[in-house]
């Protein structure tokens, strides 16, 4: 085999993760004993959510900023729904990649498969800023430890309310979403505060103004709402 061909094959065999120092962004799924694991990864941030689909039952979620160090993911957690029980603020997760399979070693070895890539309006991380309309009122900024993060990627959404200083966890919910032509729809697949909310579909109007997402409609209780979310930098 010619030298150029050998070099090409060597390049193809080196995972892109080892070149970039990051894992390919996307939504990863794994199932074990009727428990569904969803891993959202984008840039240097990841969220791992665990729940049962039938019957619906939320189990846990955690997330934060990660780096790749050798064969480990080092995660500095921003939130951890089990923090009161386990006290975890950092994680070291051995990982390996074989083809399209991402395996994480935690309490058990989980083999994740990446789902197809989908791009939509509103993709990305957002932080709750204020109730609308915008009349110049004070906003809850990035520096505020009390945060509500809404993370949209592919066709999956998740909101998480937490405090980065105390690691107090207030709640989360998530599932699939669509955002197109000013209409944003959430289909709830897990909800930490009330498993009976699973299966609900909520529709809202949205508009992007500068770096803000103006979000209008009715909440899961049928009450009118107007929220302003700011894109996280």
Protein backbone atom coordinates (compact mmCIF):
# COMPACT_ATOMS: atom_id res chain seq x y z
CA UNK A 1 0.00 0.00 0.00
CA UNK A 2 1.34 3.44 -0.90
CA UNK A 3 2.41 5.77 1.90
CA UNK A 4 -0.36 8.28 1.16
CA UNK A 5 -2.99 5.54 1.39
CA UNK A 6 -1.54 4.29 4.68
CA UNK A 7 -1.65 7.79 6.14
CA UNK A 8 -5.26 8.19 5.00
CA UNK A 9 -6.28 4.95 6.74
CA UNK A 10 -4.48 5.99 9.92
CA UNK A 11 -6.35 9.31 9.93
CA UNK A 12 -9.65 7.55 9.44
CA UNK A 13 -8.95 5.26 12.37
CA UNK A 14 -8.20 8.10 14.79
CA UNK A 15 -11.51 9.13 16.41
CA UNK A 16 -12.47 12.76 15.92
CA UNK A 17 -12.89 12.96 19.71
CA UNK A 18 -9.15 12.52 20.27
CA UNK A 19 -8.37 15.22 17.70
CA UNK A 20 -10.74 17.85 19.06
CA UNK A 21 -10.56 16.95 22.74
CA UNK A 22 -14.35 16.90 22.82
CA UNK A 23 -17.06 14.35 22.12
CA UNK A 24 -19.11 14.77 18.97
CA UNK A 25 -22.09 16.97 19.92
CA UNK A 26 -25.48 15.30 19.83
CA UNK A 27 -28.19 13.45 21.69
CA UNK A 28 -27.18 9.99 22.92
CA UNK A 29 -29.57 7.31 24.20
CA UNK A 30 -29.12 4.10 26.20
CA UNK A 31 -31.56 1.67 27.81
CA UNK A 32 -30.97 -0.66 30.75
CA UNK A 33 -33.60 -2.63 32.69
CA UNK A 34 -36.53 -0.48 31.48
CA UNK A 35 -34.63 2.67 32.45
CA UNK A 36 -33.88 5.24 29.75
CA UNK A 37 -30.69 7.28 29.80
CA UNK A 38 -30.49 10.46 27.71
CA UNK A 39 -27.17 12.23 27.28
CA UNK A 40 -27.10 15.69 25.71
CA UNK A 41 -23.64 16.92 24.71
CA UNK A 42 -22.74 20.19 23.03
CA UNK A 43 -19.32 21.84 23.06
CA UNK A 44 -18.08 21.62 26.64
CA UNK A 45 -21.43 20.95 28.36
CA UNK A 46 -23.34 17.75 29.04
CA UNK A 47 -26.58 16.72 30.70
CA UNK A 48 -27.42 13.16 31.76
CA UNK A 49 -31.09 12.46 32.51
CA UNK A 50 -32.51 9.14 33.68
CA UNK A 51 -36.18 8.14 33.67
CA UNK A 52 -38.61 5.32 33.03
CA UNK A 53 -41.03 5.63 30.14
CA UNK A 54 -43.75 3.16 31.11
CA UNK A 55 -44.97 3.76 33.69
CA UNK A 56 -43.57 7.28 33.67
CA UNK A 57 -41.09 7.88 36.46
CA UNK A 58 -38.36 10.50 36.81
CA UNK A 59 -35.17 9.15 38.41
CA UNK A 60 -32.41 11.77 38.24
CA UNK A 61 -30.56 14.39 36.21
CA UNK A 62 -27.16 16.02 36.46
CA UNK A 63 -25.11 18.27 34.24
CA UNK A 64 -22.27 20.71 33.90
CA UNK A 65 -19.09 21.63 32.09
CA UNK A 66 -16.80 18.81 31.01
CA UNK A 67 -13.29 18.29 29.70
CA UNK A 68 -11.68 15.21 28.18
CA UNK A 69 -8.59 14.05 30.09
CA UNK A 70 -7.13 10.91 28.58
CA UNK A 71 -9.85 8.26 28.68
CA UNK A 72 -11.95 10.15 31.23
CA UNK A 73 -14.62 12.81 31.18
CA UNK A 74 -14.07 15.29 33.99
CA UNK A 75 -17.37 17.02 34.80
CA UNK A 76 -17.80 20.04 37.06
CA UNK A 77 -21.46 19.80 37.96
CA UNK A 78 -23.77 22.82 37.90
CA UNK A 79 -26.70 20.75 39.09
CA UNK A 80 -27.35 17.30 40.52
CA UNK A 81 -30.86 16.23 41.48
CA UNK A 82 -29.37 13.65 43.89
CA UNK A 83 -27.00 16.08 45.59
CA UNK A 84 -28.76 15.87 48.95
CA UNK A 85 -28.10 12.11 48.97
CA UNK A 86 -24.69 11.75 47.28
CA UNK A 87 -23.07 15.19 47.71
CA UNK A 88 -21.47 15.01 44.25
CA UNK A 89 -20.24 18.25 42.68
CA UNK A 90 -17.67 16.68 40.32
CA UNK A 91 -17.49 13.47 38.32
CA UNK A 92 -14.78 11.45 36.63
CA UNK A 93 -16.28 9.10 34.04
CA UNK A 94 -14.12 6.61 32.15
CA UNK A 95 -15.33 6.45 28.57
CA UNK A 96 -14.60 4.73 25.28
CA UNK A 97 -15.82 5.08 21.70
CA UNK A 98 -16.27 2.33 19.16
CA UNK A 99 -17.84 3.44 15.90
CA UNK A 100 -21.04 5.29 16.80
CA UNK A 101 -21.18 3.80 20.32
CA UNK A 102 -20.16 5.87 23.33
CA UNK A 103 -19.65 3.83 26.50
CA UNK A 104 -19.57 5.48 29.92
CA UNK A 105 -18.43 3.69 33.06
CA UNK A 106 -20.38 4.89 36.09
CA UNK A 107 -22.44 2.74 38.46
CA UNK A 108 -22.73 0.47 35.44
CA UNK A 109 -21.34 0.42 31.90
CA UNK A 110 -23.77 2.17 29.57
CA UNK A 111 -23.48 2.02 25.81
CA UNK A 112 -25.01 5.11 24.18
CA UNK A 113 -26.01 5.50 20.54
CA UNK A 114 -26.15 8.96 18.96
CA UNK A 115 -29.45 9.93 17.33
CA UNK A 116 -29.84 11.61 13.96
CA UNK A 117 -28.88 15.27 13.81
CA UNK A 118 -31.71 17.81 13.62
CA UNK A 119 -31.37 21.58 13.56
CA UNK A 120 -34.19 23.88 14.61
CA UNK A 121 -34.92 27.43 15.60
CA UNK A 122 -34.06 28.03 19.28
CA UNK A 123 -31.33 25.36 19.42
CA UNK A 124 -28.86 26.04 22.20
CA UNK A 125 -28.73 26.83 25.94
CA UNK A 126 -30.95 29.58 27.35
CA UNK A 127 -31.19 31.12 30.81
CA UNK A 128 -34.40 32.54 32.23
CA UNK A 129 -34.04 36.33 32.38
CA UNK A 130 -37.36 37.84 33.47
CA UNK A 131 -41.13 37.84 33.12
CA UNK A 132 -42.38 39.75 30.09
CA UNK A 133 -43.09 42.20 28.73
CA UNK A 134 -39.67 43.84 28.73
CA UNK A 135 -40.04 47.16 30.54
CA UNK A 136 -36.39 47.50 31.54
CA UNK A 137 -36.86 45.53 34.75
CA UNK A 138 -33.98 43.80 36.55
CA UNK A 139 -32.89 40.52 35.01
CA UNK A 140 -31.54 37.33 36.46
CA UNK A 141 -28.10 37.20 34.80
CA UNK A 142 -25.37 34.58 34.42
CA UNK A 143 -23.71 35.78 37.63
CA UNK A 144 -26.82 34.94 39.66
CA UNK A 145 -26.42 31.50 41.31
CA UNK A 146 -30.19 30.90 41.05
CA UNK A 147 -30.65 29.67 37.51
CA UNK A 148 -33.26 28.14 35.28
CA UNK A 149 -31.61 26.64 32.23
CA UNK A 150 -33.54 25.59 29.15
CA UNK A 151 -31.41 23.38 26.92
CA UNK A 152 -32.58 22.69 23.36
CA UNK A 153 -30.71 20.38 21.03
CA UNK A 154 -31.80 18.30 18.07
CA UNK A 155 -35.43 17.54 18.83
CA UNK A 156 -34.94 17.33 22.62
CA UNK A 157 -35.57 19.93 25.29
CA UNK A 158 -35.00 20.12 29.03
CA UNK A 159 -35.43 22.82 31.64
CA UNK A 160 -33.60 22.65 34.96
CA UNK A 161 -33.98 24.97 38.00
CA UNK A 162 -31.06 24.99 40.45
CA UNK A 163 -28.62 27.00 42.54
CA UNK A 164 -24.92 26.75 41.66
CA UNK A 165 -23.71 27.92 45.09
CA UNK A 166 -25.77 25.61 47.30
CA UNK A 167 -26.41 22.86 44.69
CA UNK A 168 -30.07 23.10 45.65
CA UNK A 169 -32.16 21.40 42.96
CA UNK A 170 -35.66 22.76 42.33
CA UNK A 171 -36.96 20.67 39.45
CA UNK A 172 -36.69 19.60 35.82
CA UNK A 173 -38.75 18.41 32.90
CA UNK A 174 -38.05 17.43 29.34
CA UNK A 175 -38.88 15.50 26.21
CA UNK A 176 -39.19 16.34 22.52
CA UNK A 177 -39.83 19.74 20.98
CA UNK A 178 -40.35 21.53 17.70
CA UNK A 179 -39.83 25.21 16.88
CA UNK A 180 -40.79 26.62 13.51
CA UNK A 181 -42.49 29.72 12.12
CA UNK A 182 -43.04 31.23 15.55
CA UNK A 183 -44.67 28.14 17.09
CA UNK A 184 -42.84 26.23 19.82
CA UNK A 185 -44.22 22.88 21.04
CA UNK A 186 -43.07 20.78 24.00
CA UNK A 187 -43.99 17.13 24.44
CA UNK A 188 -43.30 16.17 28.05
CA UNK A 189 -41.64 12.77 28.62
CA UNK A 190 -40.38 13.27 32.18
CA UNK A 191 -41.22 15.74 34.94
CA UNK A 192 -39.51 15.61 38.33
CA UNK A 193 -42.28 17.28 40.31
CA UNK A 194 -45.21 15.26 39.00
CA UNK A 195 -44.97 12.10 36.89
CA UNK A 196 -48.62 12.53 35.88
CA UNK A 197 -47.62 15.50 33.67
CA UNK A 198 -45.92 13.09 31.26
CA UNK A 199 -47.73 12.89 27.94
CA UNK A 200 -48.84 16.51 27.92
CA UNK A 201 -48.17 18.62 24.82
CA UNK A 202 -47.84 22.39 25.27
CA UNK A 203 -47.78 24.95 22.47
CA UNK A 204 -46.43 28.49 22.68
CA UNK A 205 -45.64 31.47 20.48
CA UNK A 206 -42.03 32.56 20.25
CA UNK A 207 -40.08 35.49 18.86
CA UNK A 208 -36.34 36.19 18.84
CA UNK A 209 -35.39 39.78 19.66
CA UNK A 210 -31.63 40.37 19.67
CA UNK A 211 -30.32 37.71 22.12
CA UNK A 212 -33.70 37.20 23.78
CA UNK A 213 -36.35 34.54 23.27
CA UNK A 214 -39.83 35.88 24.02
CA UNK A 215 -42.00 32.95 25.04
CA UNK A 216 -45.79 33.36 25.32
CA UNK A 217 -48.68 31.00 25.94
CA UNK A 218 -50.20 28.97 28.77
CA UNK A 219 -48.28 26.84 31.24
CA UNK A 220 -49.06 23.23 32.17
CA UNK A 221 -51.71 24.50 34.62
CA UNK A 222 -53.47 26.47 31.89
CA UNK A 223 -52.34 29.82 33.26
CA UNK A 224 -51.17 32.60 30.88
CA UNK A 225 -47.42 33.18 30.85
CA UNK A 226 -44.89 35.47 29.21
CA UNK A 227 -41.23 34.63 29.78
CA UNK A 228 -38.04 36.15 28.40
CA UNK A 229 -35.03 33.87 28.03
CA UNK A 230 -31.53 35.06 27.19
CA UNK A 231 -29.14 32.99 25.12
CA UNK A 232 -26.34 31.66 27.28
CA UNK A 233 -22.87 32.69 26.15
